[in-house]
């Protein structure tokens, strides 16, 4: 079984997008089945990376909310200190 570099795969997929899988297969000598497999792998990898980005965005949102809550609690404590500090 022949191994192809990631660069070759990317170029082949770009070509397949332009001229079609069948013609790309004939031109490069790569089986159509292989090209379809690469397309599927690329699509799935894109979906996985989107999930990671979404979870990062959710984490950032959660941390920003927590930060706001802590700032508010800090302000309340500062005001409360005014009641307990002797004048």
Protein backbone atom coordinates (compact mmCIF):
# COMPACT_ATOMS: atom_id res chain seq x y z
CA UNK A 1 0.00 0.00 0.00
CA UNK A 2 1.41 3.34 -1.03
CA UNK A 3 1.65 6.16 1.50
CA UNK A 4 0.95 9.73 0.44
CA UNK A 5 2.17 12.88 2.16
CA UNK A 6 -0.33 15.26 3.70
CA UNK A 7 0.70 17.86 1.12
CA UNK A 8 -0.09 15.47 -1.72
CA UNK A 9 -3.48 14.67 -0.18
CA UNK A 10 -4.34 18.36 0.19
CA UNK A 11 -3.34 19.09 -3.40
CA UNK A 12 -5.30 16.09 -4.64
CA UNK A 13 -8.39 17.23 -2.74
CA UNK A 14 -8.11 20.73 -4.15
CA UNK A 15 -7.79 19.32 -7.65
CA UNK A 16 -10.76 17.01 -7.05
CA UNK A 17 -12.80 20.01 -5.99
CA UNK A 18 -11.91 21.77 -9.25
CA UNK A 19 -12.12 18.97 -11.82
CA UNK A 20 -13.89 16.17 -9.98
CA UNK A 21 -12.84 12.98 -8.28
CA UNK A 22 -12.91 10.83 -11.41
CA UNK A 23 -10.58 13.05 -13.43
CA UNK A 24 -8.30 13.60 -10.44
CA UNK A 25 -8.10 9.87 -9.94
CA UNK A 26 -7.10 9.34 -13.57
CA UNK A 27 -4.65 12.24 -13.61
CA UNK A 28 -2.84 11.35 -10.36
CA UNK A 29 -3.22 7.58 -10.45
CA UNK A 30 -5.02 7.49 -7.12
CA UNK A 31 -8.10 5.33 -6.67
CA UNK A 32 -11.41 7.18 -6.50
CA UNK A 33 -12.18 5.31 -3.30
CA UNK A 34 -9.01 6.73 -1.77
CA UNK A 35 -9.93 10.29 -2.76
CA UNK A 36 -13.40 9.89 -1.28
CA UNK A 37 -11.82 8.54 1.91
CA UNK A 38 -9.54 11.58 2.14
CA UNK A 39 -12.52 13.88 1.63
CA UNK A 40 -14.42 12.13 4.42
CA UNK A 41 -11.42 12.26 6.77
CA UNK A 42 -10.94 15.96 6.10
CA UNK A 43 -14.63 16.67 6.70
CA UNK A 44 -14.60 14.71 9.97
CA UNK A 45 -11.41 16.43 11.12
CA UNK A 46 -13.06 19.78 10.45
CA UNK A 47 -16.08 18.79 12.51
CA UNK A 48 -13.90 17.69 15.40
CA UNK A 49 -11.91 20.91 15.35
CA UNK A 50 -15.16 22.90 15.37
CA UNK A 51 -16.24 21.01 18.48
CA UNK A 52 -12.97 21.89 20.18
CA UNK A 53 -13.40 25.54 19.26
CA UNK A 54 -16.94 25.49 20.59
CA UNK A 55 -15.87 23.95 23.87
CA UNK A 56 -13.12 26.59 24.17
CA UNK A 57 -15.70 29.30 23.52
CA UNK A 58 -17.99 27.80 26.15
CA UNK A 59 -15.12 27.67 28.62
CA UNK A 60 -14.24 31.31 27.96
CA UNK A 61 -17.87 32.32 28.42
CA UNK A 62 -18.07 30.39 31.70
CA UNK A 63 -14.83 31.94 32.99
CA UNK A 64 -15.96 35.45 32.02
CA UNK A 65 -19.21 34.91 33.92
CA UNK A 66 -17.30 33.62 36.94
CA UNK A 67 -14.98 36.63 36.74
CA UNK A 68 -17.96 39.03 36.74
CA UNK A 69 -19.48 37.26 39.75
CA UNK A 70 -16.19 37.49 41.65
CA UNK A 71 -15.88 41.20 40.84
CA UNK A 72 -19.39 41.81 42.17
CA UNK A 73 -18.64 39.83 45.33
CA UNK A 74 -15.45 41.85 45.79
CA UNK A 75 -17.41 45.11 45.53
CA UNK A 76 -19.92 43.88 48.13
CA UNK A 77 -17.06 42.98 50.49
CA UNK A 78 -15.44 46.40 50.01
CA UNK A 79 -18.73 48.10 50.91
CA UNK A 80 -19.21 45.80 53.91
CA UNK A 81 -15.73 46.71 55.17
CA UNK A 82 -16.97 50.28 55.49
CA UNK A 83 -19.43 49.18 58.17
CA UNK A 84 -16.86 47.33 60.26
CA UNK A 85 -13.87 49.65 60.07
CA UNK A 86 -13.81 52.06 63.05
CA UNK A 87 -13.91 55.72 62.13
